[in-house]
């Protein structure tokens, strides 16, 4: 496996931006360390370009005939290495060189099939999905169940990706084979609604991590009674009373209490091993925590309503968005990825590549990252990290100048869950033999 060519640009006119991106891609494809015959393209555009999505896809497909498969979506912003484009016309592209039998593009009209249920004539009969990159429309009915269903069609149950974000016209790209997925008819590769993405086989090695953007303001509490979206009791006590105690406010002063509740989020997680729980979540949220909004209070039943279904046995951590915690957690997951990639005994090339600072952090196969996809919440970009591009600069500082693409999502997908206020960083790994 060689480095994946990548390109990004912004311009009021999409043909100009596409031309700049194509120039970058072609220049890299001519270099010996980069893939010269990539077959899979990941395409992310800001919603400014949404009306021209079909034209953009057709133009890139015509200019890059070696790329037979495309996947991607729209975002309020898109990202590339060291840069983010938020609320401006832009596109970001990553071209992946992968074995043709190790990935499949899927969509609502050409869904990912269960390998064990495929017949001899099924298009995926020789392919087993190990993991999958998923793009989804937030307006899709029963979306959490659909995400879990797609996860169940992979061997690992691990998904990564996010929900399309746009002021109007959220859409997805999904093209497989010679210009069309079998079964998609005249859809043309641009879809509205549902789910789409790319499933990867076992030989495509990926490392993926979730980074949280919130900090707990108290210990985790166990849900002991619930009704749909309503938490009724925590650790055997009325949920509303526990929330007010944590926030140190009272309904006797309603304006102060309402302001405090509006600034608070609920972090849901499954119960930890025996003996864990509140203590381990005092300082940071676990990777499995899904942050949800508080949508109402029920003074009569002393309950707290949140934007997700809850059940007894779950844990909830009351939390708030925190820029310092978000920066620290992003650096943590980058460090974890680096540690997993670094062999116990480093060659000189690996040591030099890993030690290179920002000034010398050119793409290098010794880093064992062929490319990366980063999906971040629309609520995290820009000023939340201290300034423009700050979030992506943290990633570059930690991983080096690796080829990267992605977008700012209306919700993030990791494992079989939907997240909020998180980032999902996934890297394509080159094995120690350079493959």
Protein backbone atom coordinates (compact mmCIF):
# COMPACT_ATOMS: atom_id res chain seq x y z
CA UNK A 1 0.00 0.00 0.00
CA UNK A 2 1.35 3.41 -1.00
CA UNK A 3 0.41 6.90 0.14
CA UNK A 4 -3.07 7.98 -0.94
CA UNK A 5 -3.15 11.10 -3.14
CA UNK A 6 -5.21 13.90 -1.64
CA UNK A 7 -6.36 17.34 -2.74
CA UNK A 8 -8.47 20.19 -1.44
CA UNK A 9 -9.45 23.68 -2.54
CA UNK A 10 -11.94 26.48 -2.13
CA UNK A 11 -13.31 28.74 -4.86
CA UNK A 12 -16.68 30.39 -5.57
CA UNK A 13 -16.87 28.43 -8.82
CA UNK A 14 -16.69 24.67 -8.46
CA UNK A 15 -14.83 24.03 -11.78
CA UNK A 16 -11.94 26.17 -10.51
CA UNK A 17 -11.82 24.32 -7.19
CA UNK A 18 -12.01 20.97 -8.98
CA UNK A 19 -9.17 22.02 -11.28
CA UNK A 20 -6.96 22.89 -8.31
CA UNK A 21 -7.76 19.56 -6.64
CA UNK A 22 -7.03 17.59 -9.82
CA UNK A 23 -3.68 19.34 -10.19
CA UNK A 24 -2.71 18.29 -6.67
CA UNK A 25 -3.85 14.71 -7.21
CA UNK A 26 -2.04 14.29 -10.51
CA UNK A 27 1.18 15.76 -9.13
CA UNK A 28 1.14 13.29 -6.25
CA UNK A 29 0.20 10.32 -8.45
CA UNK A 30 3.38 10.96 -10.42
CA UNK A 31 5.55 10.55 -7.30
CA UNK A 32 7.04 7.12 -6.51
CA UNK A 33 5.69 6.87 -2.94
CA UNK A 34 2.11 7.68 -3.97
CA UNK A 35 -0.53 5.44 -5.48
CA UNK A 36 -0.56 5.83 -9.25
CA UNK A 37 -3.66 3.73 -9.97
CA UNK A 38 -6.13 4.38 -7.13
CA UNK A 39 -9.58 2.92 -7.67
CA UNK A 40 -11.59 4.37 -4.76
CA UNK A 41 -12.24 8.08 -4.30
CA UNK A 42 -13.59 9.67 -1.13
CA UNK A 43 -15.27 12.97 -2.02
CA UNK A 44 -16.53 15.56 0.48
CA UNK A 45 -18.05 18.88 -0.57
CA UNK A 46 -19.48 21.77 1.43
CA UNK A 47 -23.17 22.43 1.00
CA UNK A 48 -22.35 25.49 -1.14
CA UNK A 49 -21.59 23.02 -3.93
CA UNK A 50 -24.61 20.75 -3.28
CA UNK A 51 -26.61 22.04 -6.31
CA UNK A 52 -23.67 21.03 -8.52
CA UNK A 53 -22.99 17.64 -6.89
CA UNK A 54 -23.82 15.57 -9.95
CA UNK A 55 -21.66 17.77 -12.19
CA UNK A 56 -18.74 17.60 -9.75
CA UNK A 57 -18.96 13.80 -9.55
CA UNK A 58 -19.18 13.41 -13.32
CA UNK A 59 -16.28 15.82 -13.87
CA UNK A 60 -13.96 14.07 -11.41
CA UNK A 61 -14.96 10.65 -12.77
CA UNK A 62 -14.16 11.75 -16.31
CA UNK A 63 -10.83 13.33 -15.36
CA UNK A 64 -9.78 10.35 -13.22
CA UNK A 65 -10.90 7.30 -15.24
CA UNK A 66 -8.77 4.97 -13.12
CA UNK A 67 -11.02 5.75 -10.14
CA UNK A 68 -14.00 3.45 -10.67
CA UNK A 69 -15.62 3.83 -7.24
CA UNK A 70 -16.68 6.92 -5.31
CA UNK A 71 -18.17 7.58 -1.89
CA UNK A 72 -18.71 10.72 0.17
CA UNK A 73 -21.20 13.32 1.31
CA UNK A 74 -21.83 17.00 2.05
CA UNK A 75 -20.91 18.96 5.15
CA UNK A 76 -21.22 22.44 6.57
CA UNK A 77 -17.46 22.16 6.41
CA UNK A 78 -14.85 19.80 4.98
CA UNK A 79 -11.34 19.04 6.17
CA UNK A 80 -7.94 18.13 4.78
CA UNK A 81 -4.48 17.87 6.30
CA UNK A 82 -3.92 20.91 8.52
CA UNK A 83 -6.91 22.83 7.17
CA UNK A 84 -10.67 23.13 7.58
CA UNK A 85 -13.12 24.85 5.27
CA UNK A 86 -16.24 25.92 7.19
CA UNK A 87 -19.15 27.78 5.62
CA UNK A 88 -17.34 28.38 2.32
CA UNK A 89 -17.43 26.59 -1.06
CA UNK A 90 -14.83 23.83 -0.93
CA UNK A 91 -14.13 20.18 -1.66
CA UNK A 92 -11.71 17.60 -0.30
CA UNK A 93 -10.70 14.36 -2.04
CA UNK A 94 -8.70 11.29 -1.03
CA UNK A 95 -7.85 8.58 -3.59
CA UNK A 96 -7.34 5.12 -2.10
CA UNK A 97 -5.38 2.31 -3.71
CA UNK A 98 -6.86 -0.91 -2.31
CA UNK A 99 -7.25 -4.46 -3.65
CA UNK A 100 -10.48 -4.63 -5.66
CA UNK A 101 -11.68 -7.63 -3.66
CA UNK A 102 -11.20 -5.81 -0.35
CA UNK A 103 -13.88 -3.12 -0.54
CA UNK A 104 -17.42 -2.54 -1.74
CA UNK A 105 -19.39 0.68 -2.18
CA UNK A 106 -22.98 0.37 -0.97
CA UNK A 107 -26.15 2.48 -0.87
CA UNK A 108 -29.85 2.19 -0.14
CA UNK A 109 -30.54 0.71 -3.57
CA UNK A 110 -27.50 -1.58 -3.44
CA UNK A 111 -27.24 -2.44 0.27
CA UNK A 112 -24.44 -4.27 1.97
CA UNK A 113 -25.50 -7.90 2.10
CA UNK A 114 -24.89 -10.43 4.84
CA UNK A 115 -22.05 -12.61 3.57
CA UNK A 116 -23.52 -15.80 4.97
CA UNK A 117 -26.90 -15.13 3.30
CA UNK A 118 -25.57 -14.43 -0.17
CA UNK A 119 -26.46 -16.79 -2.98
CA UNK A 120 -24.21 -17.84 -5.85
CA UNK A 121 -25.44 -14.94 -8.02
CA UNK A 122 -25.07 -12.22 -5.35
CA UNK A 123 -22.65 -9.39 -6.27
CA UNK A 124 -20.89 -9.61 -2.87
CA UNK A 125 -20.66 -13.40 -2.67
CA UNK A 126 -16.84 -13.34 -2.56
CA UNK A 127 -16.63 -10.41 -0.16
CA UNK A 128 -16.92 -10.30 3.61
CA UNK A 129 -17.25 -6.87 5.19
CA UNK A 130 -14.88 -6.38 8.12
CA UNK A 131 -15.53 -2.68 8.84
CA UNK A 132 -17.32 0.13 7.01
CA UNK A 133 -17.23 3.87 6.39
CA UNK A 134 -20.83 5.09 6.61
CA UNK A 135 -22.53 8.32 5.54
CA UNK A 136 -26.15 8.86 6.56
CA UNK A 137 -28.99 11.37 6.30
CA UNK A 138 -30.08 12.57 9.75
CA UNK A 139 -33.73 12.65 8.60
CA UNK A 140 -33.79 8.93 7.85
CA UNK A 141 -36.48 7.17 9.93
CA UNK A 142 -35.20 4.75 12.59
CA UNK A 143 -31.64 5.79 11.86
CA UNK A 144 -30.05 4.31 15.03
CA UNK A 145 -31.57 0.93 14.19
CA UNK A 146 -30.33 1.15 10.59
CA UNK A 147 -26.80 2.01 11.73
CA UNK A 148 -26.86 -0.97 14.09
CA UNK A 149 -28.13 -3.16 11.25
CA UNK A 150 -25.26 -2.14 8.96
CA UNK A 151 -22.80 -2.78 11.80
CA UNK A 152 -24.30 -6.26 12.14
CA UNK A 153 -23.42 -6.95 8.53
CA UNK A 154 -19.70 -6.57 9.24
CA UNK A 155 -17.50 -9.13 10.97
CA UNK A 156 -16.30 -6.68 13.61
CA UNK A 157 -19.45 -4.62 14.10
CA UNK A 158 -17.29 -1.50 13.80
CA UNK A 159 -18.42 1.45 11.69
CA UNK A 160 -16.95 4.92 11.32
CA UNK A 161 -18.35 7.99 9.59
CA UNK A 162 -21.04 10.58 10.19
CA UNK A 163 -24.33 12.23 9.29
CA UNK A 164 -24.44 14.56 6.29
CA UNK A 165 -24.72 18.21 7.31
CA UNK A 166 -26.16 20.99 5.17
CA UNK A 167 -28.50 23.94 5.46
CA UNK A 168 -30.36 22.56 2.46
CA UNK A 169 -29.82 19.62 0.19
CA UNK A 170 -27.79 17.11 2.21
CA UNK A 171 -26.69 14.33 -0.12
CA UNK A 172 -24.33 11.39 -0.51
CA UNK A 173 -22.08 10.01 -3.24
CA UNK A 174 -22.04 6.28 -3.98
CA UNK A 175 -20.66 4.90 -7.23
CA UNK A 176 -19.34 1.38 -7.66
CA UNK A 177 -17.68 -0.39 -10.57
CA UNK A 178 -17.75 1.25 -13.97
CA UNK A 179 -19.87 4.24 -13.04
CA UNK A 180 -22.77 2.64 -11.19
CA UNK A 181 -23.53 0.25 -8.38
CA UNK A 182 -25.33 -2.81 -9.60
CA UNK A 183 -29.02 -2.19 -8.94
CA UNK A 184 -28.93 1.58 -8.58
CA UNK A 185 -30.35 2.18 -12.06
CA UNK A 186 -30.33 5.81 -13.16
CA UNK A 187 -29.51 7.20 -9.71
CA UNK A 188 -26.25 8.56 -11.10
CA UNK A 189 -24.33 8.10 -7.89
CA UNK A 190 -25.86 11.06 -6.00
CA UNK A 191 -28.35 10.06 -3.31
CA UNK A 192 -30.70 11.85 -0.92
CA UNK A 193 -31.69 10.11 2.30
CA UNK A 194 -30.74 6.74 3.75
CA UNK A 195 -27.25 5.35 4.23
CA UNK A 196 -24.31 4.73 1.94
CA UNK A 197 -20.59 4.20 2.21
CA UNK A 198 -17.74 1.77 1.71
CA UNK A 199 -17.28 -1.61 3.38
CA UNK A 200 -13.70 -2.85 3.78
CA UNK A 201 -12.39 -6.39 3.89
CA UNK A 202 -10.14 -7.89 6.52
CA UNK A 203 -6.94 -7.14 4.60
CA UNK A 204 -7.57 -3.38 4.78
CA UNK A 205 -6.13 -2.58 8.17
CA UNK A 206 -7.68 0.40 9.93
CA UNK A 207 -7.18 2.05 13.30
CA UNK A 208 -10.06 4.21 14.52
CA UNK A 209 -10.56 6.25 17.67
CA UNK A 210 -13.34 8.46 19.09
CA UNK A 211 -12.47 11.75 20.78
CA UNK A 212 -14.94 13.48 23.09
CA UNK A 213 -15.60 17.21 23.24
CA UNK A 214 -17.23 17.47 26.66
CA UNK A 215 -16.13 17.22 30.29
CA UNK A 216 -18.14 15.65 33.13
CA UNK A 217 -19.26 17.99 35.90
CA UNK A 218 -19.84 15.18 38.37
CA UNK A 219 -19.57 11.40 38.81
CA UNK A 220 -21.49 9.03 36.57
CA UNK A 221 -24.87 8.00 37.95
CA UNK A 222 -26.74 4.78 37.33
CA UNK A 223 -30.21 4.96 35.78
CA UNK A 224 -32.48 2.91 38.02
CA UNK A 225 -35.84 3.82 36.44
CA UNK A 226 -36.69 5.12 32.98
CA UNK A 227 -39.61 5.54 30.61
CA UNK A 228 -38.70 6.03 26.94
CA UNK A 229 -36.73 9.26 26.75
CA UNK A 230 -37.41 10.13 30.40
CA UNK A 231 -34.91 9.37 33.17
CA UNK A 232 -36.97 8.97 36.32
CA UNK A 233 -34.44 7.92 38.94
CA UNK A 234 -30.67 7.86 39.36
CA UNK A 235 -29.09 5.61 41.98
CA UNK A 236 -32.56 5.19 43.44
CA UNK A 237 -33.25 8.91 43.81
CA UNK A 238 -35.40 11.24 41.65
CA UNK A 239 -33.44 12.11 38.51
CA UNK A 240 -34.39 15.78 38.52
CA UNK A 241 -33.21 16.18 42.10
CA UNK A 242 -29.87 14.54 41.27
CA UNK A 243 -29.41 16.82 38.26
CA UNK A 244 -30.17 19.97 40.26
CA UNK A 245 -27.81 18.85 43.03
CA UNK A 246 -25.02 18.29 40.49
CA UNK A 247 -25.59 21.74 38.97
CA UNK A 248 -26.02 23.30 42.43
CA UNK A 249 -29.20 25.12 41.41
CA UNK A 250 -32.80 25.10 42.59
CA UNK A 251 -36.17 25.45 40.87
CA UNK A 252 -36.92 28.14 43.45
CA UNK A 253 -34.73 30.33 41.22
CA UNK A 254 -36.07 29.23 37.82
CA UNK A 255 -34.06 31.56 35.57
CA UNK A 256 -30.75 30.44 37.03
CA UNK A 257 -31.82 26.79 36.97
CA UNK A 258 -33.01 26.91 33.35
CA UNK A 259 -29.78 28.59 32.22
CA UNK A 260 -27.70 25.92 33.96
CA UNK A 261 -29.74 23.06 32.48
CA UNK A 262 -29.54 24.53 28.96
CA UNK A 263 -25.75 24.56 29.22
CA UNK A 264 -25.70 20.91 30.33
CA UNK A 265 -25.63 17.72 28.24
CA UNK A 266 -26.21 14.09 29.13
CA UNK A 267 -23.50 11.54 28.41
CA UNK A 268 -24.99 8.03 28.12
CA UNK A 269 -22.95 4.87 28.44
CA UNK A 270 -23.37 1.21 29.25
CA UNK A 271 -22.49 0.17 32.79
CA UNK A 272 -18.79 -0.47 33.35
CA UNK A 273 -17.19 -3.50 35.00
CA UNK A 274 -17.99 -4.12 38.63
CA UNK A 275 -16.38 -1.49 40.79
CA UNK A 276 -16.12 1.06 38.01
CA UNK A 277 -18.57 3.81 37.21
CA UNK A 278 -18.71 7.24 38.77
CA UNK A 279 -15.09 7.40 39.85
CA UNK A 280 -13.64 6.51 36.47
CA UNK A 281 -15.79 9.12 34.68
CA UNK A 282 -15.14 12.03 36.99
CA UNK A 283 -12.36 13.48 34.85
CA UNK A 284 -13.26 12.51 31.28
CA UNK A 285 -15.93 10.73 29.27
CA UNK A 286 -15.28 7.21 28.06
CA UNK A 287 -15.02 6.40 24.38
CA UNK A 288 -18.38 4.63 24.56
CA UNK A 289 -20.23 7.70 25.87
CA UNK A 290 -22.92 9.17 23.60
CA UNK A 291 -23.63 12.82 24.38
CA UNK A 292 -27.28 13.89 24.10
CA UNK A 293 -29.21 17.11 24.73
CA UNK A 294 -31.54 17.58 27.68
CA UNK A 295 -34.90 18.29 26.02
CA UNK A 296 -37.15 18.81 29.02
CA UNK A 297 -37.83 18.52 32.74
CA UNK A 298 -40.83 16.84 34.38
CA UNK A 299 -41.37 18.42 37.82
CA UNK A 300 -44.40 16.17 38.52
CA UNK A 301 -42.53 12.89 37.98
CA UNK A 302 -39.18 14.44 38.99
CA UNK A 303 -37.72 13.26 35.71
CA UNK A 304 -35.29 14.53 33.07
CA UNK A 305 -36.03 14.01 29.36
CA UNK A 306 -33.11 13.60 26.94
CA UNK A 307 -32.86 13.22 23.17
CA UNK A 308 -32.46 9.44 23.18
CA UNK A 309 -34.20 6.41 24.59
CA UNK A 310 -32.84 5.27 27.92
CA UNK A 311 -33.25 2.20 30.06
CA UNK A 312 -32.43 1.08 33.56
CA UNK A 313 -28.82 -0.03 33.97
CA UNK A 314 -27.31 2.68 31.76
CA UNK A 315 -25.06 5.32 33.23
CA UNK A 316 -25.41 9.05 32.71
CA UNK A 317 -22.73 11.68 33.21
CA UNK A 318 -23.91 15.30 33.25
CA UNK A 319 -21.37 17.23 31.20
CA UNK A 320 -20.63 20.46 29.35
CA UNK A 321 -18.73 21.33 26.20
CA UNK A 322 -15.16 22.18 27.07
CA UNK A 323 -12.49 23.36 24.62
CA UNK A 324 -9.56 22.37 26.85
CA UNK A 325 -10.95 18.88 27.35
CA UNK A 326 -11.58 18.54 23.61
CA UNK A 327 -7.99 19.49 22.76
CA UNK A 328 -6.56 17.14 25.38
CA UNK A 329 -8.71 14.22 24.27
CA UNK A 330 -7.86 14.75 20.60
CA UNK A 331 -4.17 14.69 21.46
CA UNK A 332 -4.77 11.53 23.48
CA UNK A 333 -6.30 9.54 20.62
CA UNK A 334 -3.59 10.72 18.21
CA UNK A 335 -0.97 9.51 20.68
CA UNK A 336 -2.75 6.15 20.96
CA UNK A 337 -2.72 5.74 17.19
CA UNK A 338 0.96 6.61 17.00
CA UNK A 339 1.83 4.17 19.77
CA UNK A 340 -0.07 1.38 18.05
CA UNK A 341 1.74 2.04 14.78
CA UNK A 342 5.24 2.25 16.22
CA UNK A 343 6.99 -1.15 16.37
CA UNK A 344 8.98 -2.07 19.47
CA UNK A 345 12.20 -1.89 17.47
CA UNK A 346 12.32 1.05 15.09
CA UNK A 347 14.34 1.24 11.93
CA UNK A 348 16.28 4.43 11.26
CA UNK A 349 13.68 5.53 8.68
CA UNK A 350 10.82 5.00 11.11
CA UNK A 351 12.62 6.81 13.93
CA UNK A 352 13.43 9.79 11.72
CA UNK A 353 9.86 9.98 10.36
CA UNK A 354 8.28 9.77 13.80
CA UNK A 355 10.69 12.32 15.29
CA UNK A 356 10.19 14.86 12.53
CA UNK A 357 8.62 18.07 13.78
CA UNK A 358 6.00 20.06 11.94
CA UNK A 359 8.56 21.71 9.70
CA UNK A 360 9.86 18.37 8.48
CA UNK A 361 6.70 16.32 8.72
CA UNK A 362 6.37 15.48 5.02
CA UNK A 363 4.31 12.41 4.11
CA UNK A 364 6.42 9.32 4.61
CA UNK A 365 5.56 5.62 4.32
CA UNK A 366 7.71 4.96 7.38
CA UNK A 367 4.91 6.49 9.43
CA UNK A 368 2.77 3.54 8.27
CA UNK A 369 -0.25 5.74 7.50
CA UNK A 370 -1.36 5.68 3.87
CA UNK A 371 -4.25 8.06 4.48
CA UNK A 372 -6.79 9.17 7.05
CA UNK A 373 -10.45 10.14 7.39
CA UNK A 374 -11.54 12.57 10.09
CA UNK A 375 -15.20 13.22 10.86
CA UNK A 376 -15.83 15.97 13.41
CA UNK A 377 -19.01 17.47 14.83
CA UNK A 378 -20.19 20.78 13.37
CA UNK A 379 -20.20 22.06 16.95
CA UNK A 380 -16.46 21.48 17.37
CA UNK A 381 -14.83 23.34 14.47
CA UNK A 382 -13.25 26.75 14.37
CA UNK A 383 -13.34 28.80 17.53
CA UNK A 384 -14.07 25.84 19.83
CA UNK A 385 -10.44 24.81 19.47
CA UNK A 386 -9.08 28.32 19.76
CA UNK A 387 -9.02 29.49 16.15
CA UNK A 388 -9.39 28.52 12.48
CA UNK A 389 -7.81 25.17 11.56
CA UNK A 390 -6.76 24.52 15.19
CA UNK A 391 -8.46 21.12 15.35
CA UNK A 392 -6.73 19.83 12.22
CA UNK A 393 -3.43 21.36 13.29
CA UNK A 394 -3.54 19.18 16.41
CA UNK A 395 -3.97 16.10 14.23
CA UNK A 396 -1.10 17.11 11.94
CA UNK A 397 1.19 17.92 14.85
CA UNK A 398 0.58 14.44 16.28
CA UNK A 399 0.50 12.28 13.15
CA UNK A 400 2.59 14.31 10.72
CA UNK A 401 1.65 15.49 7.25
CA UNK A 402 -0.47 12.47 6.31
CA UNK A 403 -3.00 12.50 3.44
CA UNK A 404 -6.35 13.26 5.05
CA UNK A 405 -9.95 14.02 4.15
CA UNK A 406 -13.25 14.30 5.99
CA UNK A 407 -16.09 16.59 6.92
CA UNK A 408 -17.99 18.29 9.73
CA UNK A 409 -21.01 16.13 10.47
CA UNK A 410 -24.43 16.55 12.05
CA UNK A 411 -23.62 13.52 14.20
CA UNK A 412 -20.76 11.05 14.24
CA UNK A 413 -20.83 7.29 13.72
CA UNK A 414 -18.49 4.94 15.56
CA UNK A 415 -18.98 1.27 16.33
CA UNK A 416 -22.77 0.83 16.06
CA UNK A 417 -23.68 4.11 17.78
CA UNK A 418 -24.51 7.69 16.85
CA UNK A 419 -22.44 10.27 18.73
CA UNK A 420 -22.50 14.04 19.19
CA UNK A 421 -19.78 16.63 19.88
CA UNK A 422 -17.13 14.04 19.06
CA UNK A 423 -14.47 13.45 16.43
CA UNK A 424 -13.81 10.09 14.75
CA UNK A 425 -10.27 9.68 13.41
CA UNK A 426 -9.52 6.64 11.24
CA UNK A 427 -6.22 5.82 9.54
CA UNK A 428 -5.39 3.33 6.78
CA UNK A 429 -2.36 1.39 7.95
CA UNK A 430 0.61 0.28 5.89
CA UNK A 431 1.97 -2.99 7.29
CA UNK A 432 5.57 -3.31 8.44
CA UNK A 433 6.55 -4.72 5.04
CA UNK A 434 5.23 -1.57 3.34
CA UNK A 435 2.03 -3.16 1.99
